[in-house]
Amino acid sequence: MSKEKELKQFPRLESDEDAERFVEETDLSEYDFSDFQPMSFEFAPKDKAITLRLSEPLLNAVKDRASKEGIPYQRYIRHILEKDVQDPR
């Protein structure tokens, strides 16, 4: 009878230093990656601002979606724009 090893859940890491220490000191093969999602990191400076007028229902829908993604709604809008312009279509 084979016994499968139960995978650990990732701890909440509060800082870059915590993450670096965790990766250096941990056997990652013991952890469950199944809930991980791709993520992009913002390195370019945000040096231009725009004004965008939206209907209230559309803005509320954007805020709701951003909340479900766990990010501020303006970052969510930027993420959607970046994703769209990178799509090679």
PDB file of N, CA and C in Angstrom:
ATOM      1  N   MET A   1       0.853  -1.168   0.000  1.00  0.00           N
ATOM      2  CA  MET A   1       0.000   0.000   0.000  1.00  0.00           C
ATOM      3  C   MET A   1       0.903   1.237   0.000  1.00  0.00           C
ATOM      4  N   SER A   2       0.723   2.128  -1.022  1.00  0.00           N
ATOM      5  CA  SER A   2       1.570   3.322  -1.081  1.00  0.00           C
ATOM      6  C   SER A   2       0.880   4.483  -0.393  1.00  0.00           C
ATOM      7  N   LYS A   3       1.654   5.199   0.335  1.00  0.00           N
ATOM      8  CA  LYS A   3       1.128   6.334   1.074  1.00  0.00           C
ATOM      9  C   LYS A   3       1.684   7.600   0.432  1.00  0.00           C
ATOM     10  N   GLU A   4       0.799   8.448  -0.144  1.00  0.00           N
ATOM     11  CA  GLU A   4       1.259   9.684  -0.760  1.00  0.00           C
ATOM     12  C   GLU A   4       1.547  10.715   0.312  1.00  0.00           C
ATOM     13  N   LYS A   5       2.613  11.461   0.080  1.00  0.00           N
ATOM     14  CA  LYS A   5       3.000  12.507   1.019  1.00  0.00           C
ATOM     15  C   LYS A   5       2.035  13.689   0.875  1.00  0.00           C
ATOM     16  N   GLU A   6       1.486  14.151   1.986  1.00  0.00           N
ATOM     17  CA  GLU A   6       0.589  15.305   1.956  1.00  0.00           C
ATOM     18  C   GLU A   6       1.422  16.571   1.809  1.00  0.00           C
ATOM     19  N   LEU A   7       1.030  17.393   0.822  1.00  0.00           N
ATOM     20  CA  LEU A   7       1.780  18.616   0.549  1.00  0.00           C
ATOM     21  C   LEU A   7       1.365  19.722   1.503  1.00  0.00           C
ATOM     22  N   LYS A   8       2.338  20.540   1.879  1.00  0.00           N
ATOM     23  CA  LYS A   8       2.108  21.653   2.802  1.00  0.00           C
ATOM     24  C   LYS A   8       1.545  22.863   2.055  1.00  0.00           C
ATOM     25  N   GLN A   9       0.817  23.690   2.770  1.00  0.00           N
ATOM     26  CA  GLN A   9       0.350  24.965   2.231  1.00  0.00           C
ATOM     27  C   GLN A   9       1.427  26.010   2.495  1.00  0.00           C
ATOM     28  N   PHE A  10       1.523  26.994   1.608  1.00  0.00           N
ATOM     29  CA  PHE A  10       2.521  28.039   1.765  1.00  0.00           C
ATOM     30  C   PHE A  10       2.157  28.975   2.909  1.00  0.00           C
ATOM     31  N   PRO A  11       3.156  29.394   3.668  1.00  0.00           N
ATOM     32  CA  PRO A  11       2.898  30.378   4.731  1.00  0.00           C
ATOM     33  C   PRO A  11       2.728  31.765   4.118  1.00  0.00           C
ATOM     34  N   ARG A  12       2.118  32.655   4.841  1.00  0.00           N
ATOM     35  CA  ARG A  12       2.005  34.047   4.394  1.00  0.00           C
ATOM     36  C   ARG A  12       3.349  34.728   4.666  1.00  0.00           C
ATOM     37  N   LEU A  13       3.913  35.303   3.619  1.00  0.00           N
ATOM     38  CA  LEU A  13       5.212  35.966   3.734  1.00  0.00           C
ATOM     39  C   LEU A  13       4.974  37.468   3.703  1.00  0.00           C
ATOM     40  N   GLU A  14       5.475  38.163   4.708  1.00  0.00           N
ATOM     41  CA  GLU A  14       5.168  39.581   4.897  1.00  0.00           C
ATOM     42  C   GLU A  14       6.152  40.533   4.231  1.00  0.00           C
ATOM     43  N   SER A  15       7.295  40.026   3.781  1.00  0.00           N
ATOM     44  CA  SER A  15       8.287  40.928   3.192  1.00  0.00           C
ATOM     45  C   SER A  15       9.124  40.168   2.165  1.00  0.00           C
ATOM     46  N   ASP A  16       9.871  40.912   1.364  1.00  0.00           N
ATOM     47  CA  ASP A  16      10.796  40.286   0.423  1.00  0.00           C
ATOM     48  C   ASP A  16      11.826  39.451   1.171  1.00  0.00           C
ATOM     49  N   GLU A  17      12.271  39.964   2.303  1.00  0.00           N
ATOM     50  CA  GLU A  17      13.266  39.238   3.098  1.00  0.00           C
ATOM     51  C   GLU A  17      12.710  37.899   3.575  1.00  0.00           C
ATOM     52  N   ASP A  18      11.440  37.905   4.017  1.00  0.00           N
ATOM     53  CA  ASP A  18      10.800  36.652   4.439  1.00  0.00           C
ATOM     54  C   ASP A  18      10.748  35.663   3.277  1.00  0.00           C
ATOM     55  N   ALA A  19      10.394  36.147   2.097  1.00  0.00           N
ATOM     56  CA  ALA A  19      10.295  35.287   0.914  1.00  0.00           C
ATOM     57  C   ALA A  19      11.655  34.725   0.539  1.00  0.00           C
ATOM     58  N   GLU A  20      12.672  35.573   0.545  1.00  0.00           N
ATOM     59  CA  GLU A  20      14.018  35.115   0.202  1.00  0.00           C
ATOM     60  C   GLU A  20      14.507  34.051   1.190  1.00  0.00           C
ATOM     61  N   ARG A  21      14.283  34.285   2.464  1.00  0.00           N
ATOM     62  CA  ARG A  21      14.694  33.329   3.491  1.00  0.00           C
ATOM     63  C   ARG A  21      13.931  32.011   3.316  1.00  0.00           C
ATOM     64  N   PHE A  22      12.633  32.099   3.056  1.00  0.00           N
ATOM     65  CA  PHE A  22      11.814  30.904   2.883  1.00  0.00           C
ATOM     66  C   PHE A  22      12.342  30.052   1.726  1.00  0.00           C
ATOM     67  N   VAL A  23      12.621  30.696   0.581  1.00  0.00           N
ATOM     68  CA  VAL A  23      13.089  29.961  -0.598  1.00  0.00           C
ATOM     69  C   VAL A  23      14.468  29.354  -0.356  1.00  0.00           C
ATOM     70  N   GLU A  24      15.331  30.081   0.344  1.00  0.00           N
ATOM     71  CA  GLU A  24      16.682  29.576   0.611  1.00  0.00           C
ATOM     72  C   GLU A  24      16.682  28.393   1.573  1.00  0.00           C
ATOM     73  N   GLU A  25      15.773  28.390   2.537  1.00  0.00           N
ATOM     74  CA  GLU A  25      15.830  27.416   3.627  1.00  0.00           C
ATOM     75  C   GLU A  25      14.819  26.277   3.503  1.00  0.00           C
ATOM     76  N   THR A  26      13.995  26.276   2.464  1.00  0.00           N
ATOM     77  CA  THR A  26      12.874  25.343   2.410  1.00  0.00           C
ATOM     78  C   THR A  26      12.999  24.377   1.243  1.00  0.00           C
ATOM     79  N   ASP A  27      12.590  23.141   1.458  1.00  0.00           N
ATOM     80  CA  ASP A  27      12.475  22.166   0.378  1.00  0.00           C
ATOM     81  C   ASP A  27      11.111  22.393  -0.279  1.00  0.00           C
ATOM     82  N   LEU A  28      11.109  23.065  -1.420  1.00  0.00           N
ATOM     83  CA  LEU A  28       9.847  23.444  -2.066  1.00  0.00           C
ATOM     84  C   LEU A  28       9.066  22.249  -2.600  1.00  0.00           C
ATOM     85  N   SER A  29       9.702  21.095  -2.711  1.00  0.00           N
ATOM     86  CA  SER A  29       8.982  19.909  -3.186  1.00  0.00           C
ATOM     87  C   SER A  29       7.939  19.442  -2.170  1.00  0.00           C
ATOM     88  N   GLU A  30       7.982  19.971  -0.965  1.00  0.00           N
ATOM     89  CA  GLU A  30       7.020  19.609   0.081  1.00  0.00           C
ATOM     90  C   GLU A  30       5.749  20.459   0.028  1.00  0.00           C
ATOM     91  N   TYR A  31       5.704  21.423  -0.907  1.00  0.00           N
ATOM     92  CA  TYR A  31       4.602  22.385  -0.926  1.00  0.00           C
ATOM     93  C   TYR A  31       3.703  22.212  -2.132  1.00  0.00           C
ATOM     94  N   ASP A  32       2.455  22.579  -1.943  1.00  0.00           N
ATOM     95  CA  ASP A  32       1.416  22.467  -2.960  1.00  0.00           C
ATOM     96  C   ASP A  32       1.366  23.737  -3.811  1.00  0.00           C
ATOM     97  N   PHE A  33       1.689  23.628  -5.097  1.00  0.00           N
ATOM     98  CA  PHE A  33       1.677  24.761  -6.018  1.00  0.00           C
ATOM     99  C   PHE A  33       0.376  24.837  -6.822  1.00  0.00           C
ATOM    100  N   SER A  34      -0.577  23.971  -6.568  1.00  0.00           N
ATOM    101  CA  SER A  34      -1.767  23.869  -7.427  1.00  0.00           C
ATOM    102  C   SER A  34      -2.624  25.130  -7.440  1.00  0.00           C
ATOM    103  N   ASP A  35      -2.594  25.946  -6.408  1.00  0.00           N
ATOM    104  CA  ASP A  35      -3.399  27.172  -6.373  1.00  0.00           C
ATOM    105  C   ASP A  35      -2.652  28.392  -6.907  1.00  0.00           C
ATOM    106  N   PHE A  36      -1.394  28.223  -7.296  1.00  0.00           N
ATOM    107  CA  PHE A  36      -0.614  29.359  -7.785  1.00  0.00           C
ATOM    108  C   PHE A  36      -1.154  29.842  -9.122  1.00  0.00           C
ATOM    109  N   GLN A  37      -1.077  31.140  -9.333  1.00  0.00           N
ATOM    110  CA  GLN A  37      -1.502  31.753 -10.579  1.00  0.00           C
ATOM    111  C   GLN A  37      -0.359  32.607 -11.117  1.00  0.00           C
ATOM    112  N   PRO A  38      -0.265  32.714 -12.450  1.00  0.00           N
ATOM    113  CA  PRO A  38       0.780  33.576 -13.012  1.00  0.00           C
ATOM    114  C   PRO A  38       0.613  35.009 -12.513  1.00  0.00           C
ATOM    115  N   MET A  39       1.728  35.681 -12.364  1.00  0.00           N
ATOM    116  CA  MET A  39       1.687  37.049 -11.844  1.00  0.00           C
ATOM    117  C   MET A  39       2.712  37.881 -12.585  1.00  0.00           C
ATOM    118  N   SER A  40       2.357  39.107 -12.862  1.00  0.00           N
ATOM    119  CA  SER A  40       3.338  39.997 -13.474  1.00  0.00           C
ATOM    120  C   SER A  40       3.760  41.022 -12.439  1.00  0.00           C
ATOM    121  N   PHE A  41       4.991  41.456 -12.571  1.00  0.00           N
ATOM    122  CA  PHE A  41       5.526  42.427 -11.636  1.00  0.00           C
ATOM    123  C   PHE A  41       5.776  43.729 -12.372  1.00  0.00           C
ATOM    124  N   GLU A  42       5.458  44.815 -11.722  1.00  0.00           N
ATOM    125  CA  GLU A  42       5.559  46.129 -12.339  1.00  0.00           C
ATOM    126  C   GLU A  42       6.900  46.761 -11.999  1.00  0.00           C
ATOM    127  N   PHE A  43       7.775  46.850 -13.002  1.00  0.00           N
ATOM    128  CA  PHE A  43       9.085  47.434 -12.783  1.00  0.00           C
ATOM    129  C   PHE A  43       9.210  48.830 -13.381  1.00  0.00           C
ATOM    130  N   ALA A  44       8.481  49.084 -14.458  1.00  0.00           N
ATOM    131  CA  ALA A  44       8.589  50.387 -15.121  1.00  0.00           C
ATOM    132  C   ALA A  44       7.953  51.464 -14.245  1.00  0.00           C
ATOM    133  N   PRO A  45       8.585  52.635 -14.161  1.00  0.00           N
ATOM    134  CA  PRO A  45       7.996  53.717 -13.363  1.00  0.00           C
ATOM    135  C   PRO A  45       6.691  54.197 -13.989  1.00  0.00           C
ATOM    136  N   LYS A  46       5.771  54.569 -13.150  1.00  0.00           N
ATOM    137  CA  LYS A  46       4.493  55.117 -13.613  1.00  0.00           C
ATOM    138  C   LYS A  46       4.636  56.627 -13.576  1.00  0.00           C
ATOM    139  N   ASP A  47       5.008  57.218 -14.715  1.00  0.00           N
ATOM    140  CA  ASP A  47       5.318  58.641 -14.730  1.00  0.00           C
ATOM    141  C   ASP A  47       4.312  59.482 -15.516  1.00  0.00           C
ATOM    142  N   LYS A  48       3.259  58.859 -16.016  1.00  0.00           N
ATOM    143  CA  LYS A  48       2.217  59.593 -16.739  1.00  0.00           C
ATOM    144  C   LYS A  48       0.862  59.265 -16.113  1.00  0.00           C
ATOM    145  N   ALA A  49       0.014  60.266 -16.041  1.00  0.00           N
ATOM    146  CA  ALA A  49      -1.329  60.076 -15.490  1.00  0.00           C
ATOM    147  C   ALA A  49      -2.350  60.396 -16.581  1.00  0.00           C
ATOM    148  N   ILE A  50      -3.488  59.708 -16.515  1.00  0.00           N
ATOM    149  CA  ILE A  50      -4.575  59.989 -17.443  1.00  0.00           C
ATOM    150  C   ILE A  50      -5.861  60.183 -16.652  1.00  0.00           C
ATOM    151  N   THR A  51      -6.831  60.820 -17.291  1.00  0.00           N
ATOM    152  CA  THR A  51      -8.172  60.932 -16.717  1.00  0.00           C
ATOM    153  C   THR A  51      -9.094  60.106 -17.604  1.00  0.00           C
ATOM    154  N   LEU A  52      -9.906  59.309 -16.989  1.00  0.00           N
ATOM    155  CA  LEU A  52     -10.777  58.405 -17.729  1.00  0.00           C
ATOM    156  C   LEU A  52     -12.173  58.488 -17.134  1.00  0.00           C
ATOM    157  N   ARG A  53     -13.142  58.822 -17.966  1.00  0.00           N
ATOM    158  CA  ARG A  53     -14.520  58.905 -17.482  1.00  0.00           C
ATOM    159  C   ARG A  53     -15.227  57.591 -17.796  1.00  0.00           C
ATOM    160  N   LEU A  54     -15.855  57.003 -16.767  1.00  0.00           N
ATOM    161  CA  LEU A  54     -16.579  55.743 -16.907  1.00  0.00           C
ATOM    162  C   LEU A  54     -17.977  55.902 -16.332  1.00  0.00           C
ATOM    163  N   SER A  55     -18.880  55.077 -16.828  1.00  0.00           N
ATOM    164  CA  SER A  55     -20.207  55.063 -16.207  1.00  0.00           C
ATOM    165  C   SER A  55     -20.071  54.456 -14.809  1.00  0.00           C
ATOM    166  N   GLU A  56     -20.974  54.823 -13.932  1.00  0.00           N
ATOM    167  CA  GLU A  56     -20.915  54.288 -12.564  1.00  0.00           C
ATOM    168  C   GLU A  56     -21.042  52.769 -12.537  1.00  0.00           C
ATOM    169  N   PRO A  57     -21.963  52.168 -13.332  1.00  0.00           N
ATOM    170  CA  PRO A  57     -22.037  50.696 -13.318  1.00  0.00           C
ATOM    171  C   PRO A  57     -20.738  50.027 -13.784  1.00  0.00           C
ATOM    172  N   LEU A  58     -20.087  50.608 -14.817  1.00  0.00           N
ATOM    173  CA  LEU A  58     -18.835  50.025 -15.288  1.00  0.00           C
ATOM    174  C   LEU A  58     -17.755  50.159 -14.220  1.00  0.00           C
ATOM    175  N   LEU A  59     -17.638  51.312 -13.604  1.00  0.00           N
ATOM    176  CA  LEU A  59     -16.641  51.500 -12.547  1.00  0.00           C
ATOM    177  C   LEU A  59     -16.897  50.548 -11.380  1.00  0.00           C
ATOM    178  N   ASN A  60     -18.158  50.385 -10.999  1.00  0.00           N
ATOM    179  CA  ASN A  60     -18.480  49.451  -9.911  1.00  0.00           C
ATOM    180  C   ASN A  60     -18.107  48.021 -10.279  1.00  0.00           C
ATOM    181  N   ALA A  61     -18.340  47.649 -11.542  1.00  0.00           N
ATOM    182  CA  ALA A  61     -17.977  46.299 -11.997  1.00  0.00           C
ATOM    183  C   ALA A  61     -16.462  46.116 -11.965  1.00  0.00           C
ATOM    184  N   VAL A  62     -15.722  47.140 -12.394  1.00  0.00           N
ATOM    185  CA  VAL A  62     -14.254  47.087 -12.365  1.00  0.00           C
ATOM    186  C   VAL A  62     -13.770  46.965 -10.919  1.00  0.00           C
ATOM    187  N   LYS A  63     -14.323  47.760 -10.028  1.00  0.00           N
ATOM    188  CA  LYS A  63     -13.921  47.705  -8.614  1.00  0.00           C
ATOM    189  C   LYS A  63     -14.229  46.337  -8.012  1.00  0.00           C
ATOM    190  N   ASP A  64     -15.374  45.772  -8.384  1.00  0.00           N
ATOM    191  CA  ASP A  64     -15.751  44.451  -7.879  1.00  0.00           C
ATOM    192  C   ASP A  64     -14.766  43.387  -8.364  1.00  0.00           C
ATOM    193  N   ARG A  65     -14.437  43.432  -9.651  1.00  0.00           N
ATOM    194  CA  ARG A  65     -13.491  42.457 -10.207  1.00  0.00           C
ATOM    195  C   ARG A  65     -12.114  42.624  -9.568  1.00  0.00           C
ATOM    196  N   ALA A  66     -11.676  43.865  -9.395  1.00  0.00           N
ATOM    197  CA  ALA A  66     -10.379  44.123  -8.766  1.00  0.00           C
ATOM    198  C   ALA A  66     -10.356  43.582  -7.339  1.00  0.00           C
ATOM    199  N   SER A  67     -11.452  43.778  -6.632  1.00  0.00           N
ATOM    200  CA  SER A  67     -11.545  43.271  -5.262  1.00  0.00           C
ATOM    201  C   SER A  67     -11.425  41.749  -5.242  1.00  0.00           C
ATOM    202  N   LYS A  68     -12.069  41.084  -6.186  1.00  0.00           N
ATOM    203  CA  LYS A  68     -11.977  39.616  -6.263  1.00  0.00           C
ATOM    204  C   LYS A  68     -10.559  39.165  -6.588  1.00  0.00           C
ATOM    205  N   GLU A  69      -9.817  39.993  -7.347  1.00  0.00           N
ATOM    206  CA  GLU A  69      -8.423  39.683  -7.673  1.00  0.00           C
ATOM    207  C   GLU A  69      -7.489  40.067  -6.525  1.00  0.00           C
ATOM    208  N   GLY A  70      -8.010  40.847  -5.574  1.00  0.00           N
ATOM    209  CA  GLY A  70      -7.206  41.248  -4.419  1.00  0.00           C
ATOM    210  C   GLY A  70      -6.244  42.380  -4.703  1.00  0.00           C
ATOM    211  N   ILE A  71      -6.595  43.242  -5.669  1.00  0.00           N
ATOM    212  CA  ILE A  71      -5.718  44.365  -5.997  1.00  0.00           C
ATOM    213  C   ILE A  71      -6.539  45.647  -6.089  1.00  0.00           C
ATOM    214  N   PRO A  72      -5.912  46.809  -5.943  1.00  0.00           N
ATOM    215  CA  PRO A  72      -6.633  48.079  -6.095  1.00  0.00           C
ATOM    216  C   PRO A  72      -7.174  48.225  -7.527  1.00  0.00           C
ATOM    217  N   TYR A  73      -8.295  48.920  -7.668  1.00  0.00           N
ATOM    218  CA  TYR A  73      -8.954  48.964  -8.971  1.00  0.00           C
ATOM    219  C   TYR A  73      -8.136  49.679 -10.034  1.00  0.00           C
ATOM    220  N   GLN A  74      -7.353  50.690  -9.675  1.00  0.00           N
ATOM    221  CA  GLN A  74      -6.538  51.362 -10.693  1.00  0.00           C
ATOM    222  C   GLN A  74      -5.418  50.440 -11.187  1.00  0.00           C
ATOM    223  N   ARG A  75      -4.843  49.659 -10.302  1.00  0.00           N
ATOM    224  CA  ARG A  75      -3.844  48.675 -10.720  1.00  0.00           C
ATOM    225  C   ARG A  75      -4.500  47.625 -11.613  1.00  0.00           C
ATOM    226  N   TYR A  76      -5.723  47.239 -11.276  1.00  0.00           N
ATOM    227  CA  TYR A  76      -6.452  46.266 -12.105  1.00  0.00           C
ATOM    228  C   TYR A  76      -6.670  46.815 -13.518  1.00  0.00           C
ATOM    229  N   ILE A  77      -7.071  48.075 -13.634  1.00  0.00           N
ATOM    230  CA  ILE A  77      -7.265  48.692 -14.952  1.00  0.00           C
ATOM    231  C   ILE A  77      -5.946  48.676 -15.723  1.00  0.00           C
ATOM    232  N   ARG A  78      -4.852  49.054 -15.068  1.00  0.00           N
ATOM    233  CA  ARG A  78      -3.539  49.054 -15.725  1.00  0.00           C
ATOM    234  C   ARG A  78      -3.169  47.638 -16.158  1.00  0.00           C
ATOM    235  N   HIS A  79      -3.438  46.657 -15.316  1.00  0.00           N
ATOM    236  CA  HIS A  79      -3.147  45.259 -15.637  1.00  0.00           C
ATOM    237  C   HIS A  79      -3.914  44.824 -16.887  1.00  0.00           C
ATOM    238  N   ILE A  80      -5.188  45.167 -16.973  1.00  0.00           N
ATOM    239  CA  ILE A  80      -5.998  44.795 -18.128  1.00  0.00           C
ATOM    240  C   ILE A  80      -5.459  45.468 -19.393  1.00  0.00           C
ATOM    241  N   LEU A  81      -5.089  46.733 -19.298  1.00  0.00           N
ATOM    242  CA  LEU A  81      -4.528  47.441 -20.453  1.00  0.00           C
ATOM    243  C   LEU A  81      -3.204  46.807 -20.896  1.00  0.00           C
ATOM    244  N   GLU A  82      -2.323  46.524 -19.942  1.00  0.00           N
ATOM    245  CA  GLU A  82      -1.038  45.911 -20.270  1.00  0.00           C
ATOM    246  C   GLU A  82      -1.235  44.551 -20.929  1.00  0.00           C
ATOM    247  N   LYS A  83      -2.139  43.766 -20.386  1.00  0.00           N
ATOM    248  CA  LYS A  83      -2.418  42.438 -20.923  1.00  0.00           C
ATOM    249  C   LYS A  83      -2.943  42.536 -22.349  1.00  0.00           C
ATOM    250  N   ASP A  84      -3.820  43.486 -22.595  1.00  0.00           N
ATOM    251  CA  ASP A  84      -4.418  43.627 -23.922  1.00  0.00           C
ATOM    252  C   ASP A  84      -3.390  44.064 -24.972  1.00  0.00           C
ATOM    253  N   VAL A  85      -2.537  45.008 -24.650  1.00  0.00           N
ATOM    254  CA  VAL A  85      -1.588  45.493 -25.643  1.00  0.00           C
ATOM    255  C   VAL A  85      -0.449  44.490 -25.870  1.00  0.00           C
ATOM    256  N   GLN A  86      -0.233  43.564 -24.958  1.00  0.00           N
ATOM    257  CA  GLN A  86       0.786  42.527 -25.140  1.00  0.00           C
ATOM    258  C   GLN A  86       0.269  41.339 -25.937  1.00  0.00           C
ATOM    259  N   ASP A  87      -1.044  41.234 -26.105  1.00  0.00           N
ATOM    260  CA  ASP A  87      -1.660  40.139 -26.844  1.00  0.00           C
ATOM    261  C   ASP A  87      -1.315  40.288 -28.332  1.00  0.00           C
ATOM    262  N   PRO A  88      -0.626  39.288 -28.918  1.00  0.00           N
ATOM    263  CA  PRO A  88      -0.187  39.423 -30.315  1.00  0.00           C
ATOM    264  C   PRO A  88      -1.321  39.377 -31.342  1.00  0.00           C
ATOM    265  N   ARG A  89      -2.476  38.895 -30.958  1.00  0.00           N
ATOM    266  CA  ARG A  89      -3.631  38.763 -31.863  1.00  0.00           C
ATOM    267  C   ARG A  89      -3.169  38.611 -33.271  1.00  0.00           C
TER     268      ARG A  89
END
